[in-house]
């Protein structure tokens, strides 16, 4: 794929990713605890280089154990 196409698609891809994340967070955050976990996950993703899959696994474990 030519370089100009890749460079043009990067903003579109980022926009779609942010929009879909927003929609999922709005649907999932029905309680303040869930919103707090979402905020902590966003902060970790922006502030560290931890693989996001670990955050997904941690959130799934918290929900699966009934802690949320």
Protein backbone atom coordinates (compact mmCIF):
# COMPACT_ATOMS: atom_id res chain seq x y z
CA UNK A 1 0.00 0.00 0.00
CA UNK A 2 1.48 3.36 -0.92
CA UNK A 3 2.70 5.57 1.87
CA UNK A 4 0.20 8.37 1.20
CA UNK A 5 -2.75 6.03 1.72
CA UNK A 6 -1.36 4.77 5.02
CA UNK A 7 -0.73 8.30 6.25
CA UNK A 8 -4.27 9.31 5.25
CA UNK A 9 -5.89 6.37 6.99
CA UNK A 10 -4.14 6.84 10.34
CA UNK A 11 -6.42 9.70 11.56
CA UNK A 12 -9.51 7.82 10.38
CA UNK A 13 -8.45 4.68 12.24
CA UNK A 14 -7.68 6.60 15.43
CA UNK A 15 -11.04 8.41 15.25
CA UNK A 16 -12.97 5.17 14.80
CA UNK A 17 -11.06 3.60 17.69
CA UNK A 18 -11.79 6.51 20.04
CA UNK A 19 -15.46 6.66 19.04
CA UNK A 20 -16.02 2.94 19.54
CA UNK A 21 -14.23 3.05 22.91
CA UNK A 22 -16.48 5.89 24.01
CA UNK A 23 -19.63 4.00 23.01
CA UNK A 24 -18.53 0.84 24.83
CA UNK A 25 -17.56 2.79 27.97
CA UNK A 26 -20.92 4.59 28.05
CA UNK A 27 -22.77 1.28 27.80
CA UNK A 28 -20.62 -0.50 30.41
CA UNK A 29 -20.28 2.23 33.03
CA UNK A 30 -23.62 1.90 34.81
CA UNK A 31 -22.12 2.36 38.30
CA UNK A 32 -19.47 4.67 39.66
CA UNK A 33 -17.12 1.74 40.35
CA UNK A 34 -17.17 0.73 36.70
CA UNK A 35 -16.50 4.32 35.63
CA UNK A 36 -13.58 4.43 38.06
CA UNK A 37 -12.06 1.27 36.55
CA UNK A 38 -12.53 2.71 33.06
CA UNK A 39 -10.76 5.92 34.08
CA UNK A 40 -7.90 4.00 35.67
CA UNK A 41 -7.53 1.88 32.54
CA UNK A 42 -7.41 4.96 30.32
CA UNK A 43 -4.79 6.54 32.59
CA UNK A 44 -2.67 3.36 32.51
CA UNK A 45 -2.92 3.11 28.74
CA UNK A 46 -1.87 6.72 28.26
CA UNK A 47 0.80 6.75 30.96
CA UNK A 48 2.51 3.37 30.62
CA UNK A 49 3.52 0.85 28.01
CA UNK A 50 1.59 -2.02 29.60
CA UNK A 51 -0.09 -4.27 27.07
CA UNK A 52 -3.84 -3.40 27.00
CA UNK A 53 -4.69 -7.11 27.02
CA UNK A 54 -3.52 -7.30 30.65
CA UNK A 55 -5.93 -4.52 31.53
CA UNK A 56 -8.73 -6.36 29.73
CA UNK A 57 -7.92 -9.58 31.59
CA UNK A 58 -7.84 -7.73 34.92
CA UNK A 59 -11.21 -6.08 34.27
CA UNK A 60 -12.69 -9.42 33.24
CA UNK A 61 -11.37 -11.06 36.39
CA UNK A 62 -12.82 -8.31 38.59
CA UNK A 63 -16.20 -8.70 36.93
CA UNK A 64 -16.03 -12.49 36.84
CA UNK A 65 -15.29 -12.71 40.56
CA UNK A 66 -18.28 -10.54 41.30
CA UNK A 67 -16.25 -7.72 42.77
CA UNK A 68 -17.97 -5.22 40.52
